[in-house]
Amino acid sequence: MKTPERHFATVIMAAGKGTRMLNSEKAKVMFEVGGRPMIEHVVELAVGLNSSRIIAVVGYHRDSVIAHLSRVFPSVEFALQEPQLGTGHAVMQTTQLLSAFRGDVLVLSGDVPLLRQSTILDLIHHHHGTGAVGTILSADLDIPTGYGRILRDSAGNVVGIVEEKDASPEERKVCEINSGIYIFDSVRLFEALKHINTNNAQKEYYLTDVFAYYWIHKLKVSAKKAGDFNEIRGVNTVAQLDEAASLLQLRNAGKTPVVN
């Protein structure tokens, strides 16, 4: 397995409440898949990739998350997001920890437990090969309902990300979706985070607004498609948790699940 060319830090978003998991006594990322909390799978991925730093952004029921990860992965660092004001706000909480870091910042979600090392390595190598300041992990989906779409120009360059509710009828026909997993040049990331705002319906800081800043300043953005949509599925409900467990079981048995 070819290792990344530059040092990178991994930021894992793990502050969410997970209202639809129907258990308010537990942080969403602590629900188990394959007998282990979801976030443990994600941290294990970052460790296996030789990430220079691993920072979990915690919030809801943070004590249990910190206690578990500190026991299993003592090198993990923590940043507190309180209150939770969006994905951009989550990454902002790592600004002080990463102020002197130079390299790349890989942003993962703590509720995506099926992601493979090979997929992230492909993302990193694509990021370096294209000379992008930010690269999106995307995927093609026959029925992309509910997902943000990746917009490209005629030359294949990424020129936009549009949420479904904001998409035109033509844009909704696009089948390439945004996974919410990214890698950034660290300097350009924190520069852009200073310029995003909450001027949106949710009154939150969106991490995708970083890309809007890049496009305004003519900086290159790229996207790399994951080969298997199952890898990038987030877990937001009890049914999705059960599905992730079944998919992991199939993978461990050497069987290839069908993408719906």
C-alpha atoms as a PDB file:
ATOM      1  CA  MET A   1       0.000   0.000   0.000  1.00  0.00           C
ATOM      2  CA  LYS A   2       1.552   3.268  -1.137  1.00  0.00           C
ATOM      3  CA  THR A   3       1.786   5.824   1.667  1.00  0.00           C
ATOM      4  CA  PRO A   4       0.764   9.508   1.309  1.00  0.00           C
ATOM      5  CA  GLU A   5       3.442  11.892   0.039  1.00  0.00           C
ATOM      6  CA  ARG A   6       2.755  14.577   2.655  1.00  0.00           C
ATOM      7  CA  HIS A   7       2.013  14.552   6.344  1.00  0.00           C
ATOM      8  CA  PHE A   8      -1.676  14.811   7.121  1.00  0.00           C
ATOM      9  CA  ALA A   9      -3.793  15.289  10.196  1.00  0.00           C
ATOM     10  CA  THR A  10      -7.197  13.665  10.515  1.00  0.00           C
ATOM     11  CA  VAL A  11     -10.173  15.513  11.970  1.00  0.00           C
ATOM     12  CA  ILE A  12     -13.131  13.315  12.885  1.00  0.00           C
ATOM     13  CA  MET A  13     -16.501  14.970  13.415  1.00  0.00           C
ATOM     14  CA  ALA A  14     -18.038  13.241  16.414  1.00  0.00           C
ATOM     15  CA  ALA A  15     -20.088  15.859  18.262  1.00  0.00           C
ATOM     16  CA  GLY A  16     -23.572  14.981  17.046  1.00  0.00           C
ATOM     17  CA  LYS A  17     -26.524  13.952  19.175  1.00  0.00           C
ATOM     18  CA  GLY A  18     -28.069  11.437  16.789  1.00  0.00           C
ATOM     19  CA  THR A  19     -31.698  12.182  17.634  1.00  0.00           C
ATOM     20  CA  ARG A  20     -32.988   9.499  15.258  1.00  0.00           C
ATOM     21  CA  MET A  21     -30.999   6.782  17.035  1.00  0.00           C
ATOM     22  CA  LEU A  22     -33.768   6.782  19.705  1.00  0.00           C
ATOM     23  CA  ASN A  23     -31.397   6.761  22.674  1.00  0.00           C
ATOM     24  CA  SER A  24     -30.631  10.151  24.185  1.00  0.00           C
ATOM     25  CA  GLU A  25     -28.212   8.615  26.701  1.00  0.00           C
ATOM     26  CA  LYS A  26     -25.580   7.877  24.069  1.00  0.00           C
ATOM     27  CA  ALA A  27     -23.473   9.886  21.625  1.00  0.00           C
ATOM     28  CA  LYS A  28     -24.301   8.823  18.077  1.00  0.00           C
ATOM     29  CA  VAL A  29     -20.748   7.743  17.280  1.00  0.00           C
ATOM     30  CA  MET A  30     -20.768   5.348  20.243  1.00  0.00           C
ATOM     31  CA  PHE A  31     -23.440   3.095  18.754  1.00  0.00           C
ATOM     32  CA  GLU A  32     -21.832  -0.181  17.786  1.00  0.00           C
ATOM     33  CA  VAL A  33     -21.241  -1.807  14.415  1.00  0.00           C
ATOM     34  CA  GLY A  34     -19.597  -5.206  14.501  1.00  0.00           C
ATOM     35  CA  GLY A  35     -19.284  -5.066  18.280  1.00  0.00           C
ATOM     36  CA  ARG A  36     -17.362  -1.774  18.352  1.00  0.00           C
ATOM     37  CA  PRO A  37     -18.437   1.889  18.459  1.00  0.00           C
ATOM     38  CA  MET A  38     -18.657   3.437  15.001  1.00  0.00           C
ATOM     39  CA  ILE A  39     -15.988   5.996  15.807  1.00  0.00           C
ATOM     40  CA  GLU A  40     -13.547   3.251  16.730  1.00  0.00           C
ATOM     41  CA  HIS A  41     -13.683   1.990  13.132  1.00  0.00           C
ATOM     42  CA  VAL A  42     -12.972   5.509  11.877  1.00  0.00           C
ATOM     43  CA  VAL A  43     -10.043   6.142  14.227  1.00  0.00           C
ATOM     44  CA  GLU A  44      -8.606   2.743  13.344  1.00  0.00           C
ATOM     45  CA  LEU A  45      -8.711   3.796   9.682  1.00  0.00           C
ATOM     46  CA  ALA A  46      -6.796   7.005  10.454  1.00  0.00           C
ATOM     47  CA  VAL A  47      -4.223   5.107  12.506  1.00  0.00           C
ATOM     48  CA  GLY A  48      -3.755   2.562   9.721  1.00  0.00           C
ATOM     49  CA  LEU A  49      -3.093   5.373   7.256  1.00  0.00           C
ATOM     50  CA  ASN A  50      -0.301   6.735   9.496  1.00  0.00           C
ATOM     51  CA  SER A  51      -2.064  10.008  10.145  1.00  0.00           C
ATOM     52  CA  SER A  52       0.341  12.405  11.901  1.00  0.00           C
ATOM     53  CA  ARG A  53      -2.378  13.724  14.207  1.00  0.00           C
ATOM     54  CA  ILE A  54      -5.889  12.479  14.947  1.00  0.00           C
ATOM     55  CA  ILE A  55      -8.359  14.929  16.442  1.00  0.00           C
ATOM     56  CA  ALA A  56     -11.898  13.960  17.388  1.00  0.00           C
ATOM     57  CA  VAL A  57     -14.306  16.880  17.589  1.00  0.00           C
ATOM     58  CA  VAL A  58     -16.651  15.957  20.433  1.00  0.00           C
ATOM     59  CA  GLY A  59     -19.765  17.474  21.941  1.00  0.00           C
ATOM     60  CA  TYR A  60     -22.823  15.484  22.939  1.00  0.00           C
ATOM     61  CA  HIS A  61     -22.026  12.977  25.731  1.00  0.00           C
ATOM     62  CA  ARG A  62     -18.389  13.787  25.101  1.00  0.00           C
ATOM     63  CA  ASP A  63     -17.118  12.188  28.308  1.00  0.00           C
ATOM     64  CA  SER A  64     -17.981   8.691  27.112  1.00  0.00           C
ATOM     65  CA  VAL A  65     -16.399   9.301  23.705  1.00  0.00           C
ATOM     66  CA  ILE A  66     -13.211  10.722  25.224  1.00  0.00           C
ATOM     67  CA  ALA A  67     -12.968   7.931  27.798  1.00  0.00           C
ATOM     68  CA  HIS A  68     -13.370   5.178  25.212  1.00  0.00           C
ATOM     69  CA  LEU A  69     -11.007   6.585  22.610  1.00  0.00           C
ATOM     70  CA  SER A  70      -8.380   7.530  25.197  1.00  0.00           C
ATOM     71  CA  ARG A  71      -8.345   3.936  26.370  1.00  0.00           C
ATOM     72  CA  VAL A  72      -8.206   2.322  22.907  1.00  0.00           C
ATOM     73  CA  PHE A  73      -6.159   4.989  21.082  1.00  0.00           C
ATOM     74  CA  PRO A  74      -4.155   7.045  23.622  1.00  0.00           C
ATOM     75  CA  SER A  75      -2.683   9.347  20.950  1.00  0.00           C
ATOM     76  CA  VAL A  76      -6.060  10.769  19.897  1.00  0.00           C
ATOM     77  CA  GLU A  77      -6.561  14.457  20.671  1.00  0.00           C
ATOM     78  CA  PHE A  78      -9.879  16.162  21.325  1.00  0.00           C
ATOM     79  CA  ALA A  79     -11.533  19.443  20.425  1.00  0.00           C
ATOM     80  CA  LEU A  80     -14.844  20.537  21.939  1.00  0.00           C
ATOM     81  CA  GLN A  81     -17.725  21.777  19.787  1.00  0.00           C
ATOM     82  CA  GLU A  82     -20.286  23.326  22.083  1.00  0.00           C
ATOM     83  CA  PRO A  83     -22.775  24.327  20.838  1.00  0.00           C
ATOM     84  CA  GLN A  84     -22.855  22.441  17.532  1.00  0.00           C
ATOM     85  CA  LEU A  85     -23.192  25.039  14.777  1.00  0.00           C
ATOM     86  CA  GLY A  86     -22.488  22.990  11.672  1.00  0.00           C
ATOM     87  CA  THR A  87     -19.709  21.097   9.929  1.00  0.00           C
ATOM     88  CA  GLY A  88     -17.599  24.183   9.276  1.00  0.00           C
ATOM     89  CA  HIS A  89     -17.918  25.146  12.928  1.00  0.00           C
ATOM     90  CA  ALA A  90     -16.740  21.641  13.930  1.00  0.00           C
ATOM     91  CA  VAL A  91     -13.506  21.996  11.971  1.00  0.00           C
ATOM     92  CA  MET A  92     -13.029  25.540  13.293  1.00  0.00           C
ATOM     93  CA  GLN A  93     -12.634  24.036  16.779  1.00  0.00           C
ATOM     94  CA  THR A  94      -9.338  22.456  15.686  1.00  0.00           C
ATOM     95  CA  THR A  95      -7.798  25.790  14.667  1.00  0.00           C
ATOM     96  CA  GLN A  96      -5.688  26.183  17.788  1.00  0.00           C
ATOM     97  CA  LEU A  97      -4.535  22.560  17.845  1.00  0.00           C
ATOM     98  CA  LEU A  98      -3.468  22.723  14.201  1.00  0.00           C
ATOM     99  CA  SER A  99      -2.174  26.304  14.121  1.00  0.00           C
ATOM    100  CA  ALA A 100       1.420  25.202  13.522  1.00  0.00           C
ATOM    101  CA  PHE A 101       0.599  22.157  11.398  1.00  0.00           C
ATOM    102  CA  ARG A 102       1.661  22.172   7.758  1.00  0.00           C
ATOM    103  CA  GLY A 103       0.444  19.463   5.437  1.00  0.00           C
ATOM    104  CA  ASP A 104      -3.055  18.230   4.664  1.00  0.00           C
ATOM    105  CA  VAL A 105      -6.162  17.896   6.802  1.00  0.00           C
ATOM    106  CA  LEU A 106      -8.379  14.872   6.186  1.00  0.00           C
ATOM    107  CA  VAL A 107     -11.938  15.383   7.419  1.00  0.00           C
ATOM    108  CA  LEU A 108     -13.910  12.253   8.275  1.00  0.00           C
ATOM    109  CA  SER A 109     -17.272  11.618   9.913  1.00  0.00           C
ATOM    110  CA  GLY A 110     -17.462   9.506  13.030  1.00  0.00           C
ATOM    111  CA  ASP A 111     -20.645   7.824  11.786  1.00  0.00           C
ATOM    112  CA  VAL A 112     -19.180   6.316   8.586  1.00  0.00           C
ATOM    113  CA  PRO A 113     -17.747   3.028   9.860  1.00  0.00           C
ATOM    114  CA  LEU A 114     -17.384   1.120   6.567  1.00  0.00           C
ATOM    115  CA  LEU A 115     -14.818   3.348   4.885  1.00  0.00           C
ATOM    116  CA  ARG A 116     -11.731   1.500   3.587  1.00  0.00           C
ATOM    117  CA  GLN A 117      -8.094   2.589   3.779  1.00  0.00           C
ATOM    118  CA  SER A 118      -7.672   2.027   0.035  1.00  0.00           C
ATOM    119  CA  THR A 119     -10.476   4.488  -0.733  1.00  0.00           C
ATOM    120  CA  ILE A 120      -8.894   7.222   1.381  1.00  0.00           C
ATOM    121  CA  LEU A 121      -5.452   6.530  -0.079  1.00  0.00           C
ATOM    122  CA  ASP A 122      -6.935   6.974  -3.556  1.00  0.00           C
ATOM    123  CA  LEU A 123      -8.473  10.257  -2.389  1.00  0.00           C
ATOM    124  CA  ILE A 124      -5.146  11.496  -1.004  1.00  0.00           C
ATOM    125  CA  HIS A 125      -3.147  10.548  -4.085  1.00  0.00           C
ATOM    126  CA  HIS A 126      -5.759  12.187  -6.329  1.00  0.00           C
ATOM    127  CA  HIS A 127      -5.564  15.325  -4.187  1.00  0.00           C
ATOM    128  CA  HIS A 128      -1.794  15.496  -4.612  1.00  0.00           C
ATOM    129  CA  GLY A 129      -1.851  14.540  -8.279  1.00  0.00           C
ATOM    130  CA  THR A 130      -4.297  17.271  -9.251  1.00  0.00           C
ATOM    131  CA  GLY A 131      -2.629  19.992  -7.194  1.00  0.00           C
ATOM    132  CA  ALA A 132      -5.958  20.843  -5.582  1.00  0.00           C
ATOM    133  CA  VAL A 133      -6.277  22.821  -2.353  1.00  0.00           C
ATOM    134  CA  GLY A 134      -9.373  20.801  -1.490  1.00  0.00           C
ATOM    135  CA  THR A 135     -10.608  17.427  -2.712  1.00  0.00           C
ATOM    136  CA  ILE A 136     -14.021  15.838  -2.201  1.00  0.00           C
ATOM    137  CA  LEU A 137     -14.759  12.139  -1.907  1.00  0.00           C
ATOM    138  CA  SER A 138     -17.789  11.585  -4.103  1.00  0.00           C
ATOM    139  CA  ALA A 139     -19.725   8.624  -5.474  1.00  0.00           C
ATOM    140  CA  ASP A 140     -22.124   7.846  -8.290  1.00  0.00           C
ATOM    141  CA  LEU A 141     -25.593   6.845  -7.162  1.00  0.00           C
ATOM    142  CA  ASP A 142     -28.440   5.771  -9.459  1.00  0.00           C
ATOM    143  CA  ILE A 143     -31.000   7.400  -7.167  1.00  0.00           C
ATOM    144  CA  PRO A 144     -29.187  10.330  -5.500  1.00  0.00           C
ATOM    145  CA  THR A 145     -32.240  11.692  -3.674  1.00  0.00           C
ATOM    146  CA  GLY A 146     -31.328  13.519  -0.491  1.00  0.00           C
ATOM    147  CA  TYR A 147     -27.656  14.102  -1.299  1.00  0.00           C
ATOM    148  CA  GLY A 148     -25.740  17.189  -2.354  1.00  0.00           C
ATOM    149  CA  ARG A 149     -24.598  17.017  -5.983  1.00  0.00           C
ATOM    150  CA  ILE A 150     -21.120  17.577  -7.404  1.00  0.00           C
ATOM    151  CA  LEU A 151     -21.180  19.933 -10.382  1.00  0.00           C
ATOM    152  CA  ARG A 152     -18.503  19.741 -13.071  1.00  0.00           C
ATOM    153  CA  ASP A 153     -17.801  21.764 -16.195  1.00  0.00           C
ATOM    154  CA  SER A 154     -17.383  20.304 -19.690  1.00  0.00           C
ATOM    155  CA  ALA A 155     -13.709  19.589 -18.957  1.00  0.00           C
ATOM    156  CA  GLY A 156     -14.577  17.607 -15.810  1.00  0.00           C
ATOM    157  CA  ASN A 157     -13.425  20.270 -13.361  1.00  0.00           C
ATOM    158  CA  VAL A 158     -15.409  20.562 -10.115  1.00  0.00           C
ATOM    159  CA  VAL A 159     -17.161  23.917 -10.160  1.00  0.00           C
ATOM    160  CA  GLY A 160     -19.859  23.574  -7.528  1.00  0.00           C
ATOM    161  CA  ILE A 161     -21.620  21.641  -4.790  1.00  0.00           C
ATOM    162  CA  VAL A 162     -25.366  22.098  -4.565  1.00  0.00           C
ATOM    163  CA  GLU A 163     -27.687  20.746  -1.896  1.00  0.00           C
ATOM    164  CA  GLU A 164     -30.740  18.982  -3.259  1.00  0.00           C
ATOM    165  CA  LYS A 165     -33.164  21.543  -1.862  1.00  0.00           C
ATOM    166  CA  ASP A 166     -31.289  24.280  -3.738  1.00  0.00           C
ATOM    167  CA  ALA A 167     -30.720  22.319  -6.962  1.00  0.00           C
ATOM    168  CA  SER A 168     -32.407  23.091 -10.258  1.00  0.00           C
ATOM    169  CA  PRO A 169     -34.295  20.276 -12.033  1.00  0.00           C
ATOM    170  CA  GLU A 170     -31.256  19.798 -14.290  1.00  0.00           C
ATOM    171  CA  GLU A 171     -28.841  19.696 -11.351  1.00  0.00           C
ATOM    172  CA  ARG A 172     -30.999  17.095  -9.621  1.00  0.00           C
ATOM    173  CA  LYS A 173     -30.341  14.752 -12.535  1.00  0.00           C
ATOM    174  CA  VAL A 174     -26.652  14.656 -11.563  1.00  0.00           C
ATOM    175  CA  CYS A 175     -25.798  11.279 -10.020  1.00  0.00           C
ATOM    176  CA  GLU A 176     -22.423  12.223  -8.487  1.00  0.00           C
ATOM    177  CA  ILE A 177     -23.021  12.929  -4.806  1.00  0.00           C
ATOM    178  CA  ASN A 178     -21.013  14.541  -2.016  1.00  0.00           C
ATOM    179  CA  SER A 179     -19.988  12.124   0.756  1.00  0.00           C
ATOM    180  CA  GLY A 180     -19.009  14.822   3.258  1.00  0.00           C
ATOM    181  CA  ILE A 181     -15.456  13.435   3.374  1.00  0.00           C
ATOM    182  CA  TYR A 182     -12.682  15.799   2.287  1.00  0.00           C
ATOM    183  CA  ILE A 183      -8.974  16.512   2.276  1.00  0.00           C
ATOM    184  CA  PHE A 184      -7.579  20.039   2.320  1.00  0.00           C
ATOM    185  CA  ASP A 185      -4.294  21.877   2.249  1.00  0.00           C
ATOM    186  CA  SER A 186      -4.103  22.939   5.899  1.00  0.00           C
ATOM    187  CA  VAL A 187      -3.105  26.560   5.306  1.00  0.00           C
ATOM    188  CA  ARG A 188      -5.805  27.130   2.682  1.00  0.00           C
ATOM    189  CA  LEU A 189      -8.415  25.400   4.858  1.00  0.00           C
ATOM    190  CA  PHE A 190      -7.980  27.611   7.905  1.00  0.00           C
ATOM    191  CA  GLU A 191      -7.655  30.687   5.713  1.00  0.00           C
ATOM    192  CA  ALA A 192     -11.041  29.896   4.148  1.00  0.00           C
ATOM    193  CA  LEU A 193     -12.701  29.077   7.477  1.00  0.00           C
ATOM    194  CA  LYS A 194     -12.110  32.684   8.539  1.00  0.00           C
ATOM    195  CA  HIS A 195     -14.374  33.815   5.705  1.00  0.00           C
ATOM    196  CA  ILE A 196     -17.421  31.546   5.961  1.00  0.00           C
ATOM    197  CA  ASN A 197     -20.578  32.693   7.718  1.00  0.00           C
ATOM    198  CA  THR A 198     -24.028  31.590   8.882  1.00  0.00           C
ATOM    199  CA  ASN A 199     -26.032  33.380   6.203  1.00  0.00           C
ATOM    200  CA  ASN A 200     -28.196  30.354   5.449  1.00  0.00           C
ATOM    201  CA  ALA A 201     -31.508  28.825   6.491  1.00  0.00           C
ATOM    202  CA  GLN A 202     -29.953  26.679   9.215  1.00  0.00           C
ATOM    203  CA  LYS A 203     -27.820  29.539  10.628  1.00  0.00           C
ATOM    204  CA  GLU A 204     -24.828  27.203  10.642  1.00  0.00           C
ATOM    205  CA  TYR A 205     -21.262  27.247   9.343  1.00  0.00           C
ATOM    206  CA  TYR A 206     -21.136  24.839   6.393  1.00  0.00           C
ATOM    207  CA  LEU A 207     -17.803  23.226   5.568  1.00  0.00           C
ATOM    208  CA  THR A 208     -18.826  23.198   1.907  1.00  0.00           C
ATOM    209  CA  ASP A 209     -18.666  27.018   1.966  1.00  0.00           C
ATOM    210  CA  VAL A 210     -14.877  26.595   2.096  1.00  0.00           C
ATOM    211  CA  PHE A 211     -15.069  25.379  -1.496  1.00  0.00           C
ATOM    212  CA  ALA A 212     -17.101  28.433  -2.488  1.00  0.00           C
ATOM    213  CA  TYR A 213     -14.252  30.551  -1.112  1.00  0.00           C
ATOM    214  CA  TYR A 214     -11.775  28.541  -3.183  1.00  0.00           C
ATOM    215  CA  TRP A 215     -13.756  29.029  -6.383  1.00  0.00           C
ATOM    216  CA  ILE A 216     -14.033  32.769  -5.797  1.00  0.00           C
ATOM    217  CA  HIS A 217     -10.252  32.915  -5.484  1.00  0.00           C
ATOM    218  CA  LYS A 218      -9.626  30.659  -8.513  1.00  0.00           C
ATOM    219  CA  LEU A 219      -8.136  27.867  -6.416  1.00  0.00           C
ATOM    220  CA  LYS A 220      -8.359  24.316  -7.698  1.00  0.00           C
ATOM    221  CA  VAL A 221     -10.918  21.899  -6.269  1.00  0.00           C
ATOM    222  CA  SER A 222     -11.061  18.249  -7.285  1.00  0.00           C
ATOM    223  CA  ALA A 223     -13.248  15.228  -6.542  1.00  0.00           C
ATOM    224  CA  LYS A 224     -12.464  11.520  -6.483  1.00  0.00           C
ATOM    225  CA  LYS A 225     -15.214   8.940  -6.820  1.00  0.00           C
ATOM    226  CA  ALA A 226     -15.378   6.064  -4.370  1.00  0.00           C
ATOM    227  CA  GLY A 227     -15.930   2.750  -6.084  1.00  0.00           C
ATOM    228  CA  ASP A 228     -18.499   1.520  -3.567  1.00  0.00           C
ATOM    229  CA  PHE A 229     -21.244   3.771  -2.239  1.00  0.00           C
ATOM    230  CA  ASN A 230     -21.725   1.443   0.757  1.00  0.00           C
ATOM    231  CA  GLU A 231     -18.412   2.679   2.164  1.00  0.00           C
ATOM    232  CA  ILE A 232     -19.538   6.264   2.500  1.00  0.00           C
ATOM    233  CA  ARG A 233     -22.995   5.682   3.921  1.00  0.00           C
ATOM    234  CA  GLY A 234     -23.508   7.612   7.112  1.00  0.00           C
ATOM    235  CA  VAL A 235     -25.491   6.083   9.975  1.00  0.00           C
ATOM    236  CA  ASN A 236     -28.318   8.312  11.184  1.00  0.00           C
ATOM    237  CA  THR A 237     -31.053   5.870  12.221  1.00  0.00           C
ATOM    238  CA  VAL A 238     -31.408   2.526  13.977  1.00  0.00           C
ATOM    239  CA  ALA A 239     -32.302   0.929  10.623  1.00  0.00           C
ATOM    240  CA  GLN A 240     -29.116   2.313   9.036  1.00  0.00           C
ATOM    241  CA  LEU A 241     -27.117   1.026  12.008  1.00  0.00           C
ATOM    242  CA  ASP A 242     -28.505  -2.470  11.418  1.00  0.00           C
ATOM    243  CA  GLU A 243     -27.767  -2.163   7.712  1.00  0.00           C
ATOM    244  CA  ALA A 244     -24.168  -1.110   8.371  1.00  0.00           C
ATOM    245  CA  ALA A 245     -23.728  -4.108  10.670  1.00  0.00           C
ATOM    246  CA  SER A 246     -25.065  -6.424   7.959  1.00  0.00           C
ATOM    247  CA  LEU A 247     -22.785  -4.900   5.330  1.00  0.00           C
ATOM    248  CA  LEU A 248     -19.764  -5.295   7.591  1.00  0.00           C
ATOM    249  CA  GLN A 249     -20.691  -8.911   8.216  1.00  0.00           C
ATOM    250  CA  LEU A 250     -20.908  -9.532   4.458  1.00  0.00           C
ATOM    251  CA  ARG A 251     -17.558  -7.859   3.921  1.00  0.00           C
ATOM    252  CA  ASN A 252     -15.911  -9.934   6.619  1.00  0.00           C
ATOM    253  CA  ALA A 253     -17.357 -13.050   5.019  1.00  0.00           C
ATOM    254  CA  GLY A 254     -15.797 -12.049   1.695  1.00  0.00           C
ATOM    255  CA  LYS A 255     -19.118 -11.285   0.006  1.00  0.00           C
ATOM    256  CA  THR A 256     -19.888  -8.194  -2.065  1.00  0.00           C
ATOM    257  CA  PRO A 257     -23.104  -6.404  -1.064  1.00  0.00           C
ATOM    258  CA  VAL A 258     -25.395  -4.884  -3.658  1.00  0.00           C
ATOM    259  CA  VAL A 259     -25.659  -1.071  -3.770  1.00  0.00           C
ATOM    260  CA  ASN A 260     -29.276   0.063  -3.589  1.00  0.00           C
END
